[in-house]
């Protein structure tokens, strides 16, 4: 299951990212969260009606499907 959470402002997005422990949240365009029991993946991004960047949803959806592969991602197990 994939849930997309959109934000109306960049500030709201950054606050949510920081609350979830995302480092350098002001430099992040979108992020996904997949935690045990691994049955729901949450994609967080700016509302496309506010800031249209469709490439980010594809990138984050790939994380939902295949996991985390950024080498600098400290949450990687």
N, C-alpha and C. Protein backbone atom coordinates (compact mmCIF):
# COMPACT_ATOMS: atom_id res chain seq x y z
N UNK A 1 0.85 -1.17 0.00
CA UNK A 1 0.00 0.00 0.00
C UNK A 1 0.90 1.23 0.00
N UNK A 2 0.55 2.21 -0.83
CA UNK A 2 1.29 3.46 -0.90
C UNK A 2 0.34 4.61 -0.58
N UNK A 3 0.77 5.47 0.33
CA UNK A 3 0.01 6.65 0.70
C UNK A 3 0.85 7.87 0.35
N UNK A 4 0.27 8.80 -0.38
CA UNK A 4 0.99 10.02 -0.74
C UNK A 4 0.48 11.16 0.13
N UNK A 5 1.40 11.78 0.85
CA UNK A 5 1.08 12.90 1.73
C UNK A 5 1.62 14.15 1.06
N UNK A 6 0.74 15.10 0.75
CA UNK A 6 1.17 16.33 0.10
C UNK A 6 1.07 17.51 1.06
N UNK A 7 1.89 18.50 0.79
CA UNK A 7 1.96 19.70 1.62
C UNK A 7 1.74 20.93 0.77
N UNK A 8 1.00 21.88 1.30
CA UNK A 8 0.67 23.11 0.57
C UNK A 8 1.81 24.12 0.56
N UNK A 9 2.71 24.02 1.55
CA UNK A 9 3.83 24.97 1.59
C UNK A 9 5.13 24.22 1.81
N UNK A 10 6.21 24.83 1.37
CA UNK A 10 7.54 24.26 1.58
C UNK A 10 7.85 24.20 3.08
N UNK A 11 7.42 25.19 3.83
CA UNK A 11 7.66 25.24 5.26
C UNK A 11 7.00 24.06 5.98
N UNK A 12 5.77 23.75 5.58
CA UNK A 12 5.04 22.62 6.16
C UNK A 12 5.76 21.31 5.84
N UNK A 13 6.23 21.18 4.61
CA UNK A 13 6.97 20.00 4.17
C UNK A 13 8.25 19.84 4.99
N UNK A 14 9.02 20.91 5.13
CA UNK A 14 10.28 20.87 5.87
C UNK A 14 10.03 20.50 7.33
N UNK A 15 9.02 21.08 7.93
CA UNK A 15 8.69 20.77 9.33
C UNK A 15 8.38 19.28 9.49
N UNK A 16 7.64 18.72 8.56
CA UNK A 16 7.31 17.30 8.63
C UNK A 16 8.55 16.44 8.45
N UNK A 17 9.39 16.81 7.51
CA UNK A 17 10.62 16.05 7.27
C UNK A 17 11.52 16.08 8.50
N UNK A 18 11.67 17.25 9.10
CA UNK A 18 12.50 17.37 10.31
C UNK A 18 11.92 16.54 11.45
N UNK A 19 10.61 16.54 11.59
CA UNK A 19 9.95 15.77 12.64
C UNK A 19 10.18 14.27 12.47
N UNK A 20 10.43 13.86 11.23
CA UNK A 20 10.67 12.44 10.95
C UNK A 20 12.16 12.12 10.93
N UNK A 21 13.00 13.09 11.31
CA UNK A 21 14.44 12.84 11.40
C UNK A 21 15.21 12.99 10.11
N UNK A 22 14.62 13.61 9.10
CA UNK A 22 15.31 13.81 7.83
C UNK A 22 16.36 14.91 8.01
N UNK A 23 17.62 14.58 7.74
CA UNK A 23 18.68 15.57 7.84
C UNK A 23 18.66 16.49 6.62
N UNK A 24 19.05 17.73 6.81
CA UNK A 24 19.07 18.72 5.73
C UNK A 24 17.73 18.80 5.02
N UNK A 25 16.68 18.82 5.79
CA UNK A 25 15.32 18.80 5.24
C UNK A 25 15.06 19.94 4.26
N UNK A 26 15.73 21.05 4.43
CA UNK A 26 15.54 22.18 3.52
C UNK A 26 16.12 21.92 2.13
N UNK A 27 16.90 20.85 1.98
CA UNK A 27 17.50 20.49 0.70
C UNK A 27 16.81 19.29 0.05
N UNK A 28 15.76 18.80 0.67
CA UNK A 28 15.06 17.61 0.20
C UNK A 28 13.81 18.02 -0.58
N UNK A 29 13.57 17.38 -1.72
CA UNK A 29 12.40 17.70 -2.54
C UNK A 29 11.22 16.79 -2.23
N UNK A 30 11.50 15.57 -1.79
CA UNK A 30 10.47 14.59 -1.44
C UNK A 30 11.15 13.50 -0.65
N UNK A 31 10.38 12.71 0.08
CA UNK A 31 10.96 11.58 0.79
C UNK A 31 9.90 10.52 1.00
N UNK A 32 10.35 9.30 1.24
CA UNK A 32 9.42 8.21 1.51
C UNK A 32 9.81 7.55 2.83
N UNK A 33 8.81 6.98 3.47
CA UNK A 33 9.01 6.32 4.75
C UNK A 33 8.39 4.93 4.67
N UNK A 34 9.19 3.93 4.93
CA UNK A 34 8.74 2.54 4.95
C UNK A 34 9.34 1.90 6.19
N UNK A 35 8.49 1.56 7.13
CA UNK A 35 8.95 1.00 8.40
C UNK A 35 8.17 -0.28 8.69
N UNK A 36 8.70 -1.11 9.58
CA UNK A 36 7.96 -2.33 9.93
C UNK A 36 6.54 -2.01 10.34
N UNK A 37 5.59 -2.80 9.94
CA UNK A 37 5.68 -4.14 9.33
C UNK A 37 5.80 -4.12 7.81
N UNK A 38 6.20 -3.00 7.21
CA UNK A 38 6.48 -2.89 5.78
C UNK A 38 5.26 -3.16 4.90
N UNK A 39 4.09 -2.80 5.37
CA UNK A 39 2.89 -3.00 4.57
C UNK A 39 2.35 -1.70 3.98
N UNK A 40 2.91 -0.57 4.41
CA UNK A 40 2.48 0.73 3.88
C UNK A 40 3.71 1.62 3.71
N UNK A 41 3.82 2.24 2.54
CA UNK A 41 4.90 3.17 2.27
C UNK A 41 4.28 4.56 2.13
N UNK A 42 4.87 5.53 2.79
CA UNK A 42 4.36 6.90 2.77
C UNK A 42 5.31 7.79 1.96
N UNK A 43 4.78 8.39 0.92
CA UNK A 43 5.54 9.34 0.11
C UNK A 43 5.12 10.74 0.54
N UNK A 44 6.10 11.57 0.84
CA UNK A 44 5.86 12.95 1.27
C UNK A 44 6.41 13.89 0.20
N UNK A 45 5.59 14.83 -0.24
CA UNK A 45 6.03 15.76 -1.28
C UNK A 45 5.15 17.01 -1.28
N UNK A 46 5.63 18.06 -1.93
CA UNK A 46 4.83 19.27 -2.09
C UNK A 46 3.67 18.95 -3.03
N UNK A 47 2.52 19.48 -2.74
CA UNK A 47 1.33 19.28 -3.59
C UNK A 47 1.68 19.68 -5.03
N UNK A 48 1.46 18.80 -6.01
CA UNK A 48 1.77 19.13 -7.40
C UNK A 48 1.03 20.37 -7.92
N UNK A 49 -0.10 20.71 -7.32
CA UNK A 49 -0.80 21.93 -7.72
C UNK A 49 -0.03 23.17 -7.28
N UNK A 50 0.86 23.01 -6.31
CA UNK A 50 1.67 24.12 -5.79
C UNK A 50 3.03 24.15 -6.47
N UNK A 51 3.66 22.99 -6.58
CA UNK A 51 5.01 22.87 -7.15
C UNK A 51 5.05 21.57 -7.94
N UNK A 52 4.94 21.66 -9.26
CA UNK A 52 4.81 20.47 -10.10
C UNK A 52 6.19 19.90 -10.45
N UNK A 53 6.54 18.79 -9.80
CA UNK A 53 7.80 18.10 -10.05
C UNK A 53 7.54 16.59 -10.04
N UNK A 54 6.90 16.07 -11.09
CA UNK A 54 6.47 14.68 -11.10
C UNK A 54 7.60 13.65 -11.01
N UNK A 55 8.81 14.04 -11.35
CA UNK A 55 9.92 13.09 -11.27
C UNK A 55 10.17 12.61 -9.83
N UNK A 56 9.81 13.41 -8.84
CA UNK A 56 10.06 13.02 -7.46
C UNK A 56 9.14 11.91 -7.00
N UNK A 57 7.90 11.90 -7.46
CA UNK A 57 7.01 10.82 -7.03
C UNK A 57 7.49 9.48 -7.57
N UNK A 58 8.04 9.48 -8.79
CA UNK A 58 8.58 8.25 -9.35
C UNK A 58 9.79 7.75 -8.58
N UNK A 59 10.65 8.66 -8.21
CA UNK A 59 11.85 8.31 -7.44
C UNK A 59 11.46 7.71 -6.09
N UNK A 60 10.53 8.37 -5.41
CA UNK A 60 10.11 7.88 -4.10
C UNK A 60 9.32 6.58 -4.20
N UNK A 61 8.53 6.43 -5.27
CA UNK A 61 7.80 5.17 -5.47
C UNK A 61 8.78 4.02 -5.67
N UNK A 62 9.90 4.28 -6.34
CA UNK A 62 10.92 3.25 -6.51
C UNK A 62 11.47 2.82 -5.15
N UNK A 63 11.63 3.77 -4.22
CA UNK A 63 12.05 3.40 -2.87
C UNK A 63 11.01 2.50 -2.21
N UNK A 64 9.74 2.82 -2.41
CA UNK A 64 8.67 1.99 -1.84
C UNK A 64 8.75 0.56 -2.37
N UNK A 65 9.06 0.43 -3.64
CA UNK A 65 9.13 -0.90 -4.26
C UNK A 65 10.40 -1.66 -3.92
N UNK A 66 11.54 -0.95 -3.96
CA UNK A 66 12.83 -1.63 -3.90
C UNK A 66 13.67 -1.31 -2.67
N UNK A 67 13.22 -0.41 -1.82
CA UNK A 67 13.96 -0.12 -0.61
C UNK A 67 14.83 1.11 -0.71
N UNK A 68 15.65 1.29 0.30
CA UNK A 68 16.53 2.45 0.39
C UNK A 68 17.89 2.09 -0.15
N UNK A 69 18.38 2.86 -1.09
CA UNK A 69 19.70 2.54 -1.65
C UNK A 69 20.66 3.71 -1.66
N UNK A 70 20.28 4.86 -1.10
CA UNK A 70 21.23 5.97 -1.01
C UNK A 70 22.36 5.57 -0.08
N UNK A 71 23.59 5.71 -0.53
CA UNK A 71 24.73 5.28 0.28
C UNK A 71 24.92 6.15 1.50
N UNK A 72 24.38 7.38 1.48
CA UNK A 72 24.53 8.26 2.64
C UNK A 72 23.33 8.18 3.58
N UNK A 73 22.45 7.23 3.36
CA UNK A 73 21.24 7.12 4.18
C UNK A 73 21.56 6.34 5.46
N UNK A 74 21.56 7.03 6.57
CA UNK A 74 21.92 6.42 7.85
C UNK A 74 20.89 5.41 8.34
N UNK A 75 19.67 5.45 7.78
CA UNK A 75 18.64 4.52 8.24
C UNK A 75 18.71 3.19 7.50
N UNK A 76 19.65 3.07 6.59
CA UNK A 76 19.80 1.83 5.84
C UNK A 76 20.25 0.70 6.73
N UNK A 77 19.65 -0.44 6.56
CA UNK A 77 20.03 -1.56 7.40
C UNK A 77 20.79 -2.63 6.67
